[in-house]
């Protein structure tokens, strides 16, 4: 899910980090298969040895077709993922162009994935308060950053999974909401 023009570097590429890195992944997002609950972990041998009993317990009774589908999915480039990457990159640019610098908002433009982060601290509201009033007044649902830990207090997470026109409409409403908040504070 890496956007065009972005170079991905894995921490596993660095010898001095490799024994301290654990990678957990799945086909849920990369192949648009969330219901299959199929994934894997890569890490140091001791970590994998300790994880094995847990994974065997969790996966007991798992249907073989899920493993077969996962093996097939990761064995070649995903045409589904390629389309998602193009759409998400376009929508990330749309969100950044519509919101960054507007009414004090700052967009952390993603280089991969299906979400963008927006800093709303200039409005004086927490991410939770901004999200709640945005839903109430503008009918736009976003996740407050606080849902993902204290480091994202005052931020919002926006999904890039909606069609372009709906993403543009939501971005316009977010900008209007921030402007109204700042206008009311003056």
C-alpha atoms as a PDB file:
ATOM      1  CA  UNK A   1       0.000   0.000   0.000  1.00  0.00           C
ATOM      2  CA  UNK A   2       3.000   2.288  -0.604  1.00  0.00           C
ATOM      3  CA  UNK A   3       2.128   5.353  -2.707  1.00  0.00           C
ATOM      4  CA  UNK A   4       3.893   5.963  -6.037  1.00  0.00           C
ATOM      5  CA  UNK A   5       7.254   7.696  -5.742  1.00  0.00           C
ATOM      6  CA  UNK A   6       7.778   6.605  -2.126  1.00  0.00           C
ATOM      7  CA  UNK A   7      10.610   4.242  -1.247  1.00  0.00           C
ATOM      8  CA  UNK A   8       9.838   1.705   1.467  1.00  0.00           C
ATOM      9  CA  UNK A   9      12.606   0.624   3.807  1.00  0.00           C
ATOM     10  CA  UNK A  10      11.963  -2.192   6.241  1.00  0.00           C
ATOM     11  CA  UNK A  11      13.638  -2.176   9.644  1.00  0.00           C
ATOM     12  CA  UNK A  12      14.502  -5.783   8.784  1.00  0.00           C
ATOM     13  CA  UNK A  13      16.868  -4.387   6.137  1.00  0.00           C
ATOM     14  CA  UNK A  14      19.196  -3.163   8.901  1.00  0.00           C
ATOM     15  CA  UNK A  15      21.319  -5.915  10.429  1.00  0.00           C
ATOM     16  CA  UNK A  16      21.661  -4.140  13.773  1.00  0.00           C
ATOM     17  CA  UNK A  17      17.849  -3.903  14.109  1.00  0.00           C
ATOM     18  CA  UNK A  18      16.810  -7.278  12.715  1.00  0.00           C
ATOM     19  CA  UNK A  19      16.995  -9.147  16.022  1.00  0.00           C
ATOM     20  CA  UNK A  20      14.821  -6.502  17.713  1.00  0.00           C
ATOM     21  CA  UNK A  21      12.093  -6.175  15.086  1.00  0.00           C
ATOM     22  CA  UNK A  22       8.779  -8.019  14.952  1.00  0.00           C
ATOM     23  CA  UNK A  23       6.592  -7.607  11.890  1.00  0.00           C
ATOM     24  CA  UNK A  24       2.913  -8.529  12.061  1.00  0.00           C
ATOM     25  CA  UNK A  25       0.977  -8.449   8.827  1.00  0.00           C
ATOM     26  CA  UNK A  26      -2.160  -9.785   7.216  1.00  0.00           C
ATOM     27  CA  UNK A  27      -4.079  -9.774   3.970  1.00  0.00           C
ATOM     28  CA  UNK A  28      -6.936  -7.855   5.579  1.00  0.00           C
ATOM     29  CA  UNK A  29      -6.038  -4.463   4.161  1.00  0.00           C
ATOM     30  CA  UNK A  30      -3.423  -5.231   1.515  1.00  0.00           C
ATOM     31  CA  UNK A  31      -5.755  -7.574  -0.354  1.00  0.00           C
ATOM     32  CA  UNK A  32      -9.120  -6.224   0.842  1.00  0.00           C
ATOM     33  CA  UNK A  33      -9.904  -9.467   2.659  1.00  0.00           C
ATOM     34  CA  UNK A  34     -10.734  -8.415   6.247  1.00  0.00           C
ATOM     35  CA  UNK A  35     -13.042 -11.318   7.045  1.00  0.00           C
ATOM     36  CA  UNK A  36     -10.424 -13.964   6.350  1.00  0.00           C
ATOM     37  CA  UNK A  37      -8.339 -13.139   9.440  1.00  0.00           C
ATOM     38  CA  UNK A  38      -5.205 -14.526   7.887  1.00  0.00           C
ATOM     39  CA  UNK A  39      -1.793 -13.141   8.680  1.00  0.00           C
ATOM     40  CA  UNK A  40       1.741 -13.831   9.861  1.00  0.00           C
ATOM     41  CA  UNK A  41       4.542 -12.632  12.095  1.00  0.00           C
ATOM     42  CA  UNK A  42       8.227 -12.365  11.323  1.00  0.00           C
ATOM     43  CA  UNK A  43      10.749 -11.920  14.076  1.00  0.00           C
ATOM     44  CA  UNK A  44      13.699 -13.297  15.986  1.00  0.00           C
ATOM     45  CA  UNK A  45      13.728 -17.082  16.466  1.00  0.00           C
ATOM     46  CA  UNK A  46      12.996 -16.884  20.208  1.00  0.00           C
ATOM     47  CA  UNK A  47       9.965 -14.649  19.628  1.00  0.00           C
ATOM     48  CA  UNK A  48       8.606 -17.011  16.973  1.00  0.00           C
ATOM     49  CA  UNK A  49       9.144 -20.046  19.215  1.00  0.00           C
ATOM     50  CA  UNK A  50       7.180 -18.373  22.023  1.00  0.00           C
ATOM     51  CA  UNK A  51       4.443 -17.242  19.641  1.00  0.00           C
ATOM     52  CA  UNK A  52       3.918 -20.691  18.113  1.00  0.00           C
ATOM     53  CA  UNK A  53       1.738 -22.176  20.929  1.00  0.00           C
ATOM     54  CA  UNK A  54      -0.493 -19.087  20.871  1.00  0.00           C
ATOM     55  CA  UNK A  55      -0.851 -19.148  17.098  1.00  0.00           C
ATOM     56  CA  UNK A  56      -1.607 -22.879  17.120  1.00  0.00           C
ATOM     57  CA  UNK A  57      -4.366 -22.287  19.680  1.00  0.00           C
ATOM     58  CA  UNK A  58      -5.802 -19.344  17.764  1.00  0.00           C
ATOM     59  CA  UNK A  59      -5.697 -21.087  14.410  1.00  0.00           C
ATOM     60  CA  UNK A  60      -6.947 -24.519  15.499  1.00  0.00           C
ATOM     61  CA  UNK A  61      -9.867 -25.385  13.254  1.00  0.00           C
ATOM     62  CA  UNK A  62      -9.066 -22.714  10.693  1.00  0.00           C
ATOM     63  CA  UNK A  63     -10.365 -23.627   7.272  1.00  0.00           C
ATOM     64  CA  UNK A  64      -7.677 -24.772   4.804  1.00  0.00           C
ATOM     65  CA  UNK A  65      -9.083 -22.617   2.007  1.00  0.00           C
ATOM     66  CA  UNK A  66      -8.090 -19.522   4.015  1.00  0.00           C
ATOM     67  CA  UNK A  67      -4.455 -20.649   4.107  1.00  0.00           C
ATOM     68  CA  UNK A  68      -4.610 -21.530   0.422  1.00  0.00           C
ATOM     69  CA  UNK A  69      -6.083 -18.148  -0.430  1.00  0.00           C
ATOM     70  CA  UNK A  70      -3.423 -16.355   1.648  1.00  0.00           C
ATOM     71  CA  UNK A  71      -0.589 -18.270  -0.031  1.00  0.00           C
ATOM     72  CA  UNK A  72      -1.988 -17.388  -3.446  1.00  0.00           C
ATOM     73  CA  UNK A  73      -2.543 -13.734  -2.470  1.00  0.00           C
ATOM     74  CA  UNK A  74       1.027 -13.145  -1.298  1.00  0.00           C
ATOM     75  CA  UNK A  75       2.663 -15.122  -4.117  1.00  0.00           C
ATOM     76  CA  UNK A  76       2.128 -12.407  -6.722  1.00  0.00           C
ATOM     77  CA  UNK A  77       1.341  -8.696  -6.986  1.00  0.00           C
ATOM     78  CA  UNK A  78      -2.241  -7.894  -6.105  1.00  0.00           C
ATOM     79  CA  UNK A  79      -4.299  -6.185  -8.793  1.00  0.00           C
ATOM     80  CA  UNK A  80      -6.716  -5.171  -6.029  1.00  0.00           C
ATOM     81  CA  UNK A  81      -3.923  -3.515  -4.025  1.00  0.00           C
ATOM     82  CA  UNK A  82      -2.635  -1.632  -7.073  1.00  0.00           C
ATOM     83  CA  UNK A  83      -6.047  -0.024  -7.585  1.00  0.00           C
ATOM     84  CA  UNK A  84      -6.382   0.775  -3.886  1.00  0.00           C
ATOM     85  CA  UNK A  85      -2.936   2.397  -3.789  1.00  0.00           C
ATOM     86  CA  UNK A  86      -3.794   4.661  -6.724  1.00  0.00           C
ATOM     87  CA  UNK A  87      -7.150   5.676  -5.202  1.00  0.00           C
ATOM     88  CA  UNK A  88      -5.783   6.233  -1.673  1.00  0.00           C
ATOM     89  CA  UNK A  89      -2.839   8.313  -2.949  1.00  0.00           C
ATOM     90  CA  UNK A  90      -5.209  10.487  -4.978  1.00  0.00           C
ATOM     91  CA  UNK A  91      -7.520  10.979  -1.995  1.00  0.00           C
ATOM     92  CA  UNK A  92      -4.593  11.728   0.340  1.00  0.00           C
ATOM     93  CA  UNK A  93      -3.579  14.519  -2.034  1.00  0.00           C
ATOM     94  CA  UNK A  94      -7.177  15.731  -2.184  1.00  0.00           C
ATOM     95  CA  UNK A  95      -7.394  15.898   1.636  1.00  0.00           C
ATOM     96  CA  UNK A  96      -4.011  17.634   1.934  1.00  0.00           C
ATOM     97  CA  UNK A  97      -4.854  20.179  -0.765  1.00  0.00           C
ATOM     98  CA  UNK A  98      -8.267  20.912   0.769  1.00  0.00           C
ATOM     99  CA  UNK A  99      -7.248  21.126   4.425  1.00  0.00           C
ATOM    100  CA  UNK A 100      -3.565  21.814   4.985  1.00  0.00           C
ATOM    101  CA  UNK A 101      -3.184  25.381   6.226  1.00  0.00           C
ATOM    102  CA  UNK A 102      -6.930  26.066   6.192  1.00  0.00           C
ATOM    103  CA  UNK A 103      -8.325  27.465   9.456  1.00  0.00           C
ATOM    104  CA  UNK A 104      -5.223  26.376  11.322  1.00  0.00           C
ATOM    105  CA  UNK A 105      -5.478  22.730  10.234  1.00  0.00           C
ATOM    106  CA  UNK A 106      -2.337  20.764   9.403  1.00  0.00           C
ATOM    107  CA  UNK A 107      -2.379  17.541   7.403  1.00  0.00           C
ATOM    108  CA  UNK A 108       0.228  14.863   7.868  1.00  0.00           C
ATOM    109  CA  UNK A 109       0.173  13.638   4.287  1.00  0.00           C
ATOM    110  CA  UNK A 110       0.531   9.861   4.244  1.00  0.00           C
ATOM    111  CA  UNK A 111       2.932   8.016   1.978  1.00  0.00           C
ATOM    112  CA  UNK A 112       1.047   4.737   2.270  1.00  0.00           C
ATOM    113  CA  UNK A 113      -2.118   3.207   3.629  1.00  0.00           C
ATOM    114  CA  UNK A 114      -5.742   4.183   3.817  1.00  0.00           C
ATOM    115  CA  UNK A 115      -5.780   6.974   6.399  1.00  0.00           C
ATOM    116  CA  UNK A 116      -4.667  10.597   6.681  1.00  0.00           C
ATOM    117  CA  UNK A 117      -4.029  12.463   9.933  1.00  0.00           C
ATOM    118  CA  UNK A 118      -5.196  16.019  10.529  1.00  0.00           C
ATOM    119  CA  UNK A 119      -3.939  18.211  13.381  1.00  0.00           C
ATOM    120  CA  UNK A 120      -6.874  20.236  14.759  1.00  0.00           C
ATOM    121  CA  UNK A 121      -5.145  21.662  17.844  1.00  0.00           C
ATOM    122  CA  UNK A 122      -5.252  25.215  16.429  1.00  0.00           C
ATOM    123  CA  UNK A 123      -9.036  25.164  16.908  1.00  0.00           C
ATOM    124  CA  UNK A 124      -8.562  24.802  20.667  1.00  0.00           C
ATOM    125  CA  UNK A 125     -10.520  21.540  20.671  1.00  0.00           C
ATOM    126  CA  UNK A 126      -9.345  18.040  21.425  1.00  0.00           C
ATOM    127  CA  UNK A 127      -9.629  15.491  18.646  1.00  0.00           C
ATOM    128  CA  UNK A 128     -12.566  13.940  20.501  1.00  0.00           C
ATOM    129  CA  UNK A 129     -14.429  17.249  20.819  1.00  0.00           C
ATOM    130  CA  UNK A 130     -13.707  18.249  17.225  1.00  0.00           C
ATOM    131  CA  UNK A 131     -14.892  14.839  15.959  1.00  0.00           C
ATOM    132  CA  UNK A 132     -18.072  14.938  18.075  1.00  0.00           C
ATOM    133  CA  UNK A 133     -19.053  18.441  16.989  1.00  0.00           C
ATOM    134  CA  UNK A 134     -18.112  17.673  13.369  1.00  0.00           C
ATOM    135  CA  UNK A 135     -20.473  14.711  13.379  1.00  0.00           C
ATOM    136  CA  UNK A 136     -23.235  16.697  15.076  1.00  0.00           C
ATOM    137  CA  UNK A 137     -22.960  19.856  12.961  1.00  0.00           C
ATOM    138  CA  UNK A 138     -21.565  18.676   9.627  1.00  0.00           C
ATOM    139  CA  UNK A 139     -22.577  14.971   9.572  1.00  0.00           C
ATOM    140  CA  UNK A 140     -18.987  13.850   8.932  1.00  0.00           C
ATOM    141  CA  UNK A 141     -17.642  10.907  10.938  1.00  0.00           C
ATOM    142  CA  UNK A 142     -13.915  10.726  11.717  1.00  0.00           C
ATOM    143  CA  UNK A 143     -11.860   9.012  14.411  1.00  0.00           C
ATOM    144  CA  UNK A 144     -10.348  11.204  17.100  1.00  0.00           C
ATOM    145  CA  UNK A 145      -6.611  10.742  17.402  1.00  0.00           C
ATOM    146  CA  UNK A 146      -6.993  10.065  21.104  1.00  0.00           C
ATOM    147  CA  UNK A 147      -8.479   6.693  20.131  1.00  0.00           C
ATOM    148  CA  UNK A 148      -4.949   5.673  19.100  1.00  0.00           C
ATOM    149  CA  UNK A 149      -3.065   6.942  22.143  1.00  0.00           C
ATOM    150  CA  UNK A 150      -2.009  10.146  23.869  1.00  0.00           C
ATOM    151  CA  UNK A 151       0.518  10.963  21.145  1.00  0.00           C
ATOM    152  CA  UNK A 152      -2.361  11.820  18.806  1.00  0.00           C
ATOM    153  CA  UNK A 153      -4.276  14.114  21.174  1.00  0.00           C
ATOM    154  CA  UNK A 154      -5.710  16.916  19.074  1.00  0.00           C
ATOM    155  CA  UNK A 155      -5.586  14.958  15.828  1.00  0.00           C
ATOM    156  CA  UNK A 156      -8.161  13.240  13.601  1.00  0.00           C
ATOM    157  CA  UNK A 157      -7.804  10.114  11.496  1.00  0.00           C
ATOM    158  CA  UNK A 158      -9.616  10.379   8.166  1.00  0.00           C
ATOM    159  CA  UNK A 159     -10.392   7.361   6.046  1.00  0.00           C
ATOM    160  CA  UNK A 160      -9.350   7.461   2.401  1.00  0.00           C
ATOM    161  CA  UNK A 161     -11.711   4.627   1.489  1.00  0.00           C
ATOM    162  CA  UNK A 162     -14.682   6.696   0.361  1.00  0.00           C
ATOM    163  CA  UNK A 163     -15.111   7.767  -3.288  1.00  0.00           C
ATOM    164  CA  UNK A 164     -13.373  10.970  -4.376  1.00  0.00           C
ATOM    165  CA  UNK A 165     -16.547  13.063  -4.410  1.00  0.00           C
ATOM    166  CA  UNK A 166     -17.487  12.035  -0.872  1.00  0.00           C
ATOM    167  CA  UNK A 167     -13.913  12.603   0.323  1.00  0.00           C
ATOM    168  CA  UNK A 168     -13.948  16.104  -1.211  1.00  0.00           C
ATOM    169  CA  UNK A 169     -17.336  16.850   0.355  1.00  0.00           C
ATOM    170  CA  UNK A 170     -16.117  15.692   3.780  1.00  0.00           C
ATOM    171  CA  UNK A 171     -12.910  17.735   3.480  1.00  0.00           C
ATOM    172  CA  UNK A 172     -14.948  20.836   2.644  1.00  0.00           C
ATOM    173  CA  UNK A 173     -17.160  20.272   5.653  1.00  0.00           C
ATOM    174  CA  UNK A 174     -14.134  19.735   7.923  1.00  0.00           C
ATOM    175  CA  UNK A 175     -12.621  23.023   6.708  1.00  0.00           C
ATOM    176  CA  UNK A 176     -15.928  24.854   7.230  1.00  0.00           C
ATOM    177  CA  UNK A 177     -16.241  23.382  10.714  1.00  0.00           C
ATOM    178  CA  UNK A 178     -12.739  24.470  11.715  1.00  0.00           C
ATOM    179  CA  UNK A 179     -13.370  27.962  10.309  1.00  0.00           C
ATOM    180  CA  UNK A 180     -16.655  28.214  12.241  1.00  0.00           C
ATOM    181  CA  UNK A 181     -14.917  27.174  15.466  1.00  0.00           C
ATOM    182  CA  UNK A 182     -12.192  29.787  14.990  1.00  0.00           C
ATOM    183  CA  UNK A 183     -14.806  32.378  14.040  1.00  0.00           C
ATOM    184  CA  UNK A 184     -16.776  31.633  17.207  1.00  0.00           C
ATOM    185  CA  UNK A 185     -13.613  31.873  19.305  1.00  0.00           C
ATOM    186  CA  UNK A 186     -12.788  35.367  18.018  1.00  0.00           C
END
